[in-house]
Amino acid sequence: MTEQLVEAPEVTVEDLRRRIDDWTVRLSKLYSDVEEWVGQLGTYTTRRVRNVRMYEELMEQFSLDAEMLDSLDVRKGSDLVMTLRPVGLWTIGANGRVDLIFRTGSVILVDRAKPFHPPQWTAFSLENKKNGEPFTQSTMLRMLRNYE
């Protein structure tokens, strides 16, 4: 009996560029959602800061330049209460990861959608680290209260 190996499709620079562009669009949409959600409360302000350097292994292998990505800070008055910080696009079992960093803890957000599909942001906290929960306005507001 002979085994037949299935070859992986050839990856091109254009493929990587499309994934990176999609990642930046998904991050921007996620930040816009959070800005809208906290904006409805009236006591929080947000600010995007271009301070995350993206230079992942595949980018290096294909000689792509590093990208600068935004993080999103959420403040209550002058206190920084939450930061959304992109960790990586190419993660095992997900279509990207963003950490939510609070003063008293952190939550991992992963996009469970397939590449180029609408995001399915899922939050994994200490309380719910096995299955996670959809990252919605009510989820985020509860996390703000719990970790503030």
N, C-alpha and C. Protein backbone atom coordinates (compact mmCIF):
# COMPACT_ATOMS: atom_id res chain seq x y z
N MET A 1 0.85 -1.18 0.00
CA MET A 1 0.00 0.00 0.00
C MET A 1 0.89 1.24 0.00
N THR A 2 0.62 2.15 -0.88
CA THR A 2 1.40 3.38 -0.93
C THR A 2 0.57 4.53 -0.39
N GLU A 3 1.26 5.40 0.30
CA GLU A 3 0.60 6.59 0.82
C GLU A 3 0.76 7.72 -0.16
N GLN A 4 -0.30 8.47 -0.34
CA GLN A 4 -0.21 9.65 -1.18
C GLN A 4 -0.22 10.88 -0.29
N LEU A 5 0.76 11.69 -0.49
CA LEU A 5 0.83 12.92 0.28
C LEU A 5 0.06 14.01 -0.44
N VAL A 6 -0.66 14.76 0.34
CA VAL A 6 -1.38 15.90 -0.21
C VAL A 6 -0.49 17.11 -0.04
N GLU A 7 -0.18 17.75 -1.12
CA GLU A 7 0.67 18.93 -1.05
C GLU A 7 -0.15 20.15 -0.68
N ALA A 8 0.45 20.96 0.16
CA ALA A 8 -0.19 22.22 0.54
C ALA A 8 -0.14 23.17 -0.65
N PRO A 9 -1.16 23.98 -0.82
CA PRO A 9 -1.13 24.94 -1.92
C PRO A 9 0.03 25.92 -1.74
N GLU A 10 0.56 26.37 -2.83
CA GLU A 10 1.67 27.32 -2.82
C GLU A 10 1.18 28.65 -2.24
N VAL A 11 1.91 29.16 -1.28
CA VAL A 11 1.59 30.45 -0.68
C VAL A 11 2.41 31.51 -1.39
N THR A 12 1.77 32.61 -1.70
CA THR A 12 2.46 33.70 -2.40
C THR A 12 2.49 34.95 -1.52
N VAL A 13 3.33 35.87 -1.91
CA VAL A 13 3.39 37.17 -1.24
C VAL A 13 2.02 37.85 -1.30
N GLU A 14 1.34 37.71 -2.43
CA GLU A 14 0.01 38.32 -2.57
C GLU A 14 -0.98 37.71 -1.58
N ASP A 15 -0.88 36.39 -1.35
CA ASP A 15 -1.74 35.74 -0.37
C ASP A 15 -1.51 36.33 1.02
N LEU A 16 -0.26 36.48 1.38
CA LEU A 16 0.07 37.03 2.69
C LEU A 16 -0.40 38.48 2.81
N ARG A 17 -0.19 39.26 1.77
CA ARG A 17 -0.61 40.66 1.78
C ARG A 17 -2.13 40.76 1.97
N ARG A 18 -2.89 39.89 1.28
CA ARG A 18 -4.36 39.89 1.43
C ARG A 18 -4.75 39.57 2.87
N ARG A 19 -4.08 38.58 3.49
CA ARG A 19 -4.39 38.22 4.88
C ARG A 19 -4.07 39.37 5.83
N ILE A 20 -2.94 40.02 5.61
CA ILE A 20 -2.55 41.14 6.47
C ILE A 20 -3.54 42.29 6.31
N ASP A 21 -3.92 42.60 5.08
CA ASP A 21 -4.90 43.66 4.84
C ASP A 21 -6.23 43.33 5.51
N ASP A 22 -6.66 42.07 5.40
CA ASP A 22 -7.90 41.63 6.03
C ASP A 22 -7.80 41.77 7.56
N TRP A 23 -6.65 41.44 8.12
CA TRP A 23 -6.41 41.55 9.55
C TRP A 23 -6.56 42.99 10.01
N THR A 24 -5.98 43.92 9.29
CA THR A 24 -6.08 45.33 9.70
C THR A 24 -7.52 45.83 9.60
N VAL A 25 -8.26 45.36 8.61
CA VAL A 25 -9.67 45.75 8.49
C VAL A 25 -10.47 45.17 9.65
N ARG A 26 -10.23 43.91 10.00
CA ARG A 26 -10.97 43.29 11.11
C ARG A 26 -10.65 43.96 12.44
N LEU A 27 -9.38 44.32 12.64
CA LEU A 27 -9.01 45.04 13.86
C LEU A 27 -9.70 46.39 13.93
N SER A 28 -9.72 47.11 12.84
CA SER A 28 -10.36 48.42 12.80
C SER A 28 -11.85 48.30 13.11
N LYS A 29 -12.50 47.30 12.57
CA LYS A 29 -13.94 47.09 12.83
C LYS A 29 -14.17 46.74 14.31
N LEU A 30 -13.32 45.87 14.85
CA LEU A 30 -13.42 45.52 16.27
C LEU A 30 -13.28 46.78 17.13
N TYR A 31 -12.29 47.62 16.83
CA TYR A 31 -12.08 48.84 17.59
C TYR A 31 -13.26 49.80 17.44
N SER A 32 -13.81 49.89 16.24
CA SER A 32 -14.98 50.75 16.03
C SER A 32 -16.16 50.27 16.86
N ASP A 33 -16.36 48.97 16.92
CA ASP A 33 -17.44 48.41 17.76
C ASP A 33 -17.23 48.79 19.22
N VAL A 34 -16.03 48.58 19.73
CA VAL A 34 -15.75 48.90 21.14
C VAL A 34 -15.91 50.40 21.38
N GLU A 35 -15.45 51.23 20.47
CA GLU A 35 -15.60 52.68 20.61
C GLU A 35 -17.08 53.06 20.69
N GLU A 36 -17.88 52.44 19.86
CA GLU A 36 -19.32 52.71 19.88
C GLU A 36 -19.94 52.24 21.19
N TRP A 37 -19.59 51.05 21.63
CA TRP A 37 -20.17 50.49 22.86
C TRP A 37 -19.84 51.33 24.07
N VAL A 38 -18.58 51.70 24.25
CA VAL A 38 -18.23 52.49 25.43
C VAL A 38 -18.69 53.94 25.27
N GLY A 39 -18.79 54.42 24.05
CA GLY A 39 -19.28 55.77 23.81
C GLY A 39 -20.71 55.96 24.28
N GLN A 40 -21.49 54.89 24.26
CA GLN A 40 -22.87 54.96 24.71
C GLN A 40 -22.97 55.15 26.22
N LEU A 41 -21.89 54.84 26.94
CA LEU A 41 -21.90 54.97 28.40
C LEU A 41 -21.63 56.40 28.86
N GLY A 42 -20.93 57.16 28.03
CA GLY A 42 -20.67 58.56 28.35
C GLY A 42 -19.55 58.80 29.34
N THR A 43 -19.10 57.79 30.06
CA THR A 43 -18.05 58.00 31.07
C THR A 43 -16.69 57.51 30.61
N TYR A 44 -16.63 56.93 29.42
CA TYR A 44 -15.38 56.37 28.91
C TYR A 44 -14.95 57.13 27.65
N THR A 45 -13.65 57.17 27.43
CA THR A 45 -13.09 57.69 26.19
C THR A 45 -12.16 56.63 25.60
N THR A 46 -11.93 56.74 24.31
CA THR A 46 -11.05 55.77 23.65
C THR A 46 -10.01 56.52 22.83
N ARG A 47 -8.90 55.84 22.59
CA ARG A 47 -7.86 56.41 21.76
C ARG A 47 -7.09 55.28 21.08
N ARG A 48 -6.98 55.37 19.75
CA ARG A 48 -6.16 54.42 19.01
C ARG A 48 -4.72 54.91 18.99
N VAL A 49 -3.81 53.99 19.24
CA VAL A 49 -2.39 54.32 19.27
C VAL A 49 -1.67 53.34 18.36
N ARG A 50 -0.92 53.87 17.39
CA ARG A 50 -0.17 53.01 16.45
C ARG A 50 1.14 52.62 17.12
N ASN A 51 1.11 51.52 17.88
CA ASN A 51 2.29 51.16 18.67
C ASN A 51 2.60 49.66 18.70
N VAL A 52 1.94 48.88 17.85
CA VAL A 52 2.18 47.44 17.85
C VAL A 52 2.87 47.06 16.54
N ARG A 53 4.04 46.51 16.65
CA ARG A 53 4.80 46.10 15.47
C ARG A 53 4.41 44.67 15.12
N MET A 54 3.95 44.48 13.90
CA MET A 54 3.59 43.15 13.40
C MET A 54 4.69 42.69 12.44
N TYR A 55 5.40 41.66 12.86
CA TYR A 55 6.42 41.07 11.99
C TYR A 55 6.48 39.59 12.33
N GLU A 56 5.55 38.85 11.77
CA GLU A 56 5.41 37.44 12.09
C GLU A 56 6.31 36.59 11.20
N GLU A 57 6.47 35.34 11.59
CA GLU A 57 7.41 34.44 10.92
C GLU A 57 7.19 34.37 9.41
N LEU A 58 5.95 34.23 8.97
CA LEU A 58 5.68 34.17 7.54
C LEU A 58 6.08 35.46 6.83
N MET A 59 5.91 36.58 7.49
CA MET A 59 6.31 37.85 6.89
C MET A 59 7.82 37.88 6.69
N GLU A 60 8.55 37.37 7.65
CA GLU A 60 10.01 37.32 7.53
C GLU A 60 10.42 36.37 6.41
N GLN A 61 9.79 35.19 6.36
CA GLN A 61 10.13 34.21 5.33
C GLN A 61 9.93 34.75 3.92
N PHE A 62 8.94 35.61 3.74
CA PHE A 62 8.63 36.16 2.42
C PHE A 62 9.18 37.58 2.24
N SER A 63 10.04 37.98 3.16
CA SER A 63 10.71 39.29 3.09
C SER A 63 9.74 40.46 3.01
N LEU A 64 8.63 40.34 3.72
CA LEU A 64 7.69 41.45 3.80
C LEU A 64 8.14 42.40 4.91
N ASP A 65 7.86 43.67 4.73
CA ASP A 65 8.17 44.65 5.75
C ASP A 65 7.24 44.49 6.95
N ALA A 66 7.73 44.90 8.10
CA ALA A 66 6.89 44.93 9.29
C ALA A 66 5.75 45.93 9.09
N GLU A 67 4.66 45.68 9.76
CA GLU A 67 3.50 46.57 9.74
C GLU A 67 3.33 47.17 11.14
N MET A 68 2.89 48.39 11.20
CA MET A 68 2.53 48.99 12.49
C MET A 68 1.01 48.95 12.61
N LEU A 69 0.55 48.39 13.72
CA LEU A 69 -0.88 48.25 13.98
C LEU A 69 -1.28 49.11 15.17
N ASP A 70 -2.56 49.45 15.21
CA ASP A 70 -3.09 50.20 16.34
C ASP A 70 -3.43 49.27 17.49
N SER A 71 -3.27 49.79 18.69
CA SER A 71 -3.93 49.23 19.86
C SER A 71 -5.03 50.23 20.21
N LEU A 72 -5.93 49.83 21.09
CA LEU A 72 -7.03 50.73 21.49
C LEU A 72 -7.04 50.84 23.01
N ASP A 73 -6.88 52.06 23.50
CA ASP A 73 -6.96 52.33 24.94
C ASP A 73 -8.36 52.83 25.28
N VAL A 74 -8.88 52.31 26.40
CA VAL A 74 -10.17 52.76 26.93
C VAL A 74 -9.91 53.36 28.30
N ARG A 75 -10.34 54.60 28.48
CA ARG A 75 -10.12 55.30 29.75
C ARG A 75 -11.45 55.68 30.39
N LYS A 76 -11.42 55.68 31.71
CA LYS A 76 -12.53 56.22 32.49
C LYS A 76 -11.94 57.39 33.25
N GLY A 77 -12.28 58.59 32.80
CA GLY A 77 -11.59 59.78 33.32
C GLY A 77 -10.15 59.71 32.84
N SER A 78 -9.22 59.84 33.76
CA SER A 78 -7.80 59.76 33.39
C SER A 78 -7.23 58.35 33.57
N ASP A 79 -8.04 57.42 34.09
CA ASP A 79 -7.57 56.06 34.36
C ASP A 79 -7.68 55.16 33.14
N LEU A 80 -6.59 54.52 32.79
CA LEU A 80 -6.61 53.52 31.73
C LEU A 80 -7.25 52.26 32.30
N VAL A 81 -8.39 51.83 31.73
CA VAL A 81 -9.10 50.68 32.28
C VAL A 81 -9.03 49.45 31.39
N MET A 82 -8.74 49.64 30.09
CA MET A 82 -8.65 48.49 29.19
C MET A 82 -7.84 48.88 27.96
N THR A 83 -7.02 47.94 27.50
CA THR A 83 -6.31 48.10 26.24
C THR A 83 -6.56 46.86 25.39
N LEU A 84 -6.92 47.08 24.13
CA LEU A 84 -7.00 45.99 23.16
C LEU A 84 -5.71 46.02 22.37
N ARG A 85 -4.98 44.92 22.43
CA ARG A 85 -3.66 44.86 21.80
C ARG A 85 -3.56 43.63 20.91
N PRO A 86 -3.38 43.82 19.59
CA PRO A 86 -3.25 42.67 18.70
C PRO A 86 -1.99 41.88 19.03
N VAL A 87 -2.13 40.55 19.07
CA VAL A 87 -1.01 39.67 19.39
C VAL A 87 -0.48 39.00 18.14
N GLY A 88 -1.37 38.51 17.30
CA GLY A 88 -0.90 37.86 16.09
C GLY A 88 -2.03 37.46 15.17
N LEU A 89 -1.72 37.44 13.90
CA LEU A 89 -2.68 37.01 12.89
C LEU A 89 -2.66 35.49 12.75
N TRP A 90 -1.47 34.94 12.60
CA TRP A 90 -1.34 33.50 12.37
C TRP A 90 -1.20 32.79 13.70
N THR A 91 -2.33 32.32 14.20
CA THR A 91 -2.37 31.60 15.48
C THR A 91 -3.01 30.25 15.25
N ILE A 92 -2.61 29.27 16.03
CA ILE A 92 -3.16 27.92 15.88
C ILE A 92 -4.63 27.92 16.27
N GLY A 93 -5.46 27.43 15.38
CA GLY A 93 -6.88 27.28 15.66
C GLY A 93 -7.69 28.56 15.62
N ALA A 94 -7.11 29.63 15.11
CA ALA A 94 -7.85 30.89 15.08
C ALA A 94 -7.38 31.73 13.91
N ASN A 95 -8.13 32.78 13.65
CA ASN A 95 -7.83 33.71 12.56
C ASN A 95 -7.36 35.04 13.16
N GLY A 96 -6.53 34.94 14.19
CA GLY A 96 -6.00 36.13 14.83
C GLY A 96 -6.35 36.19 16.31
N ARG A 97 -5.48 36.87 17.05
CA ARG A 97 -5.66 37.01 18.50
C ARG A 97 -5.41 38.45 18.92
N VAL A 98 -6.26 38.92 19.83
CA VAL A 98 -6.14 40.24 20.45
C VAL A 98 -6.25 40.04 21.95
N ASP A 99 -5.35 40.63 22.71
CA ASP A 99 -5.46 40.58 24.17
C ASP A 99 -6.19 41.80 24.67
N LEU A 100 -7.11 41.59 25.61
CA LEU A 100 -7.76 42.67 26.35
C LEU A 100 -7.05 42.74 27.68
N ILE A 101 -6.38 43.86 27.93
CA ILE A 101 -5.58 43.99 29.14
C ILE A 101 -6.27 44.99 30.06
N PHE A 102 -6.59 44.52 31.26
CA PHE A 102 -7.22 45.35 32.28
C PHE A 102 -6.22 45.57 33.41
N ARG A 103 -6.56 46.43 34.34
CA ARG A 103 -5.66 46.65 35.49
C ARG A 103 -5.53 45.40 36.35
N THR A 104 -6.59 44.60 36.40
CA THR A 104 -6.58 43.46 37.33
C THR A 104 -6.69 42.11 36.63
N GLY A 105 -6.41 42.06 35.35
CA GLY A 105 -6.48 40.78 34.65
C GLY A 105 -6.47 40.97 33.15
N SER A 106 -6.64 39.88 32.44
CA SER A 106 -6.66 39.96 30.98
C SER A 106 -7.60 38.90 30.41
N VAL A 107 -8.00 39.14 29.18
CA VAL A 107 -8.89 38.25 28.45
C VAL A 107 -8.29 38.08 27.06
N ILE A 108 -8.37 36.87 26.53
CA ILE A 108 -7.88 36.60 25.19
C ILE A 108 -9.06 36.59 24.23
N LEU A 109 -8.95 37.38 23.17
CA LEU A 109 -9.96 37.38 22.11
C LEU A 109 -9.37 36.66 20.90
N VAL A 110 -10.10 35.71 20.36
CA VAL A 110 -9.67 35.09 19.11
C VAL A 110 -10.81 35.15 18.11
N ASP A 111 -10.43 35.26 16.86
CA ASP A 111 -11.42 35.24 15.79
C ASP A 111 -11.51 33.80 15.30
N ARG A 112 -12.65 33.18 15.51
CA ARG A 112 -12.85 31.78 15.14
C ARG A 112 -13.32 31.61 13.70
N ALA A 113 -13.48 32.70 12.97
CA ALA A 113 -13.95 32.61 11.59
C ALA A 113 -12.82 32.13 10.68
N LYS A 114 -13.20 31.59 9.55
CA LYS A 114 -12.22 31.22 8.54
C LYS A 114 -11.71 32.50 7.88
N PRO A 115 -10.51 32.45 7.31
CA PRO A 115 -10.00 33.64 6.63
C PRO A 115 -10.98 34.19 5.60
N PHE A 116 -11.10 35.51 5.59
CA PHE A 116 -11.93 36.28 4.66
C PHE A 116 -13.43 36.09 4.89
N HIS A 117 -13.81 35.56 6.06
CA HIS A 117 -15.21 35.47 6.46
C HIS A 117 -15.45 36.50 7.57
N PRO A 118 -16.71 36.87 7.81
CA PRO A 118 -16.99 37.82 8.89
C PRO A 118 -16.42 37.31 10.22
N PRO A 119 -15.82 38.20 11.01
CA PRO A 119 -15.19 37.76 12.27
C PRO A 119 -16.19 37.15 13.24
N GLN A 120 -15.68 36.21 14.01
CA GLN A 120 -16.43 35.59 15.11
C GLN A 120 -15.57 35.73 16.36
N TRP A 121 -15.50 36.95 16.89
CA TRP A 121 -14.66 37.21 18.06
C TRP A 121 -15.20 36.45 19.26
N THR A 122 -14.32 35.71 19.90
CA THR A 122 -14.67 34.90 21.06
C THR A 122 -13.72 35.25 22.19
N ALA A 123 -14.28 35.49 23.39
CA ALA A 123 -13.50 35.90 24.56
C ALA A 123 -13.24 34.70 25.46
N PHE A 124 -11.98 34.55 25.84
CA PHE A 124 -11.58 33.50 26.77
C PHE A 124 -10.99 34.17 28.00
N SER A 125 -11.73 34.07 29.11
CA SER A 125 -11.28 34.65 30.37
C SER A 125 -10.94 33.52 31.33
N LEU A 126 -10.42 33.88 32.50
CA LEU A 126 -10.14 32.85 33.51
C LEU A 126 -11.39 32.08 33.89
N GLU A 127 -12.53 32.80 33.91
CA GLU A 127 -13.78 32.17 34.30
C GLU A 127 -14.34 31.26 33.20
N ASN A 128 -13.97 31.51 31.97
CA ASN A 128 -14.54 30.77 30.85
C ASN A 128 -13.43 30.46 29.84
N LYS A 129 -12.41 29.73 30.29
CA LYS A 129 -11.25 29.53 29.43
C LYS A 129 -11.34 28.32 28.52
N LYS A 130 -12.33 27.46 28.74
CA LYS A 130 -12.45 26.28 27.87
C LYS A 130 -13.22 26.58 26.59
N ASN A 131 -14.41 27.13 26.72
CA ASN A 131 -15.27 27.33 25.56
C ASN A 131 -15.32 28.76 25.07
N GLY A 132 -15.02 29.68 25.92
CA GLY A 132 -15.13 31.08 25.55
C GLY A 132 -16.58 31.50 25.40
N GLU A 133 -16.76 32.76 25.05
CA GLU A 133 -18.10 33.30 24.81
C GLU A 133 -18.00 34.37 23.75
N PRO A 134 -19.06 34.53 22.98
CA PRO A 134 -19.03 35.57 21.94
C PRO A 134 -18.72 36.94 22.56
N PHE A 135 -17.87 37.70 21.89
CA PHE A 135 -17.51 39.02 22.36
C PHE A 135 -18.54 40.01 21.82
N THR A 136 -19.45 40.40 22.70
CA THR A 136 -20.54 41.31 22.35
C THR A 136 -20.45 42.54 23.25
N GLN A 137 -21.34 43.48 23.02
CA GLN A 137 -21.37 44.67 23.86
C GLN A 137 -21.60 44.30 25.32
N SER A 138 -22.55 43.41 25.58
CA SER A 138 -22.83 43.04 26.98
C SER A 138 -21.65 42.29 27.61
N THR A 139 -20.97 41.46 26.83
CA THR A 139 -19.79 40.76 27.34
C THR A 139 -18.71 41.76 27.72
N MET A 140 -18.45 42.72 26.84
CA MET A 140 -17.40 43.70 27.10
C MET A 140 -17.74 44.57 28.30
N LEU A 141 -19.00 44.99 28.42
CA LEU A 141 -19.38 45.84 29.55
C LEU A 141 -19.26 45.08 30.87
N ARG A 142 -19.63 43.81 30.86
CA ARG A 142 -19.47 42.98 32.07
C ARG A 142 -17.99 42.87 32.43
N MET A 143 -17.15 42.68 31.44
CA MET A 143 -15.71 42.58 31.70
C MET A 143 -15.16 43.89 32.26
N LEU A 144 -15.61 45.01 31.72
CA LEU A 144 -15.18 46.30 32.26
C LEU A 144 -15.53 46.41 33.73
N ARG A 145 -16.75 46.03 34.09
CA ARG A 145 -17.17 46.08 35.50
C ARG A 145 -16.36 45.12 36.35
N ASN A 146 -16.13 43.90 35.86
CA ASN A 146 -15.43 42.88 36.65
C ASN A 146 -13.96 43.19 36.87
N TYR A 147 -13.32 43.79 35.88
CA TYR A 147 -11.88 43.99 35.95
C TYR A 147 -11.47 45.41 36.33
N GLU A 148 -12.45 46.29 36.47
CA GLU A 148 -12.16 47.70 36.76
C GLU A 148 -11.59 47.88 38.15
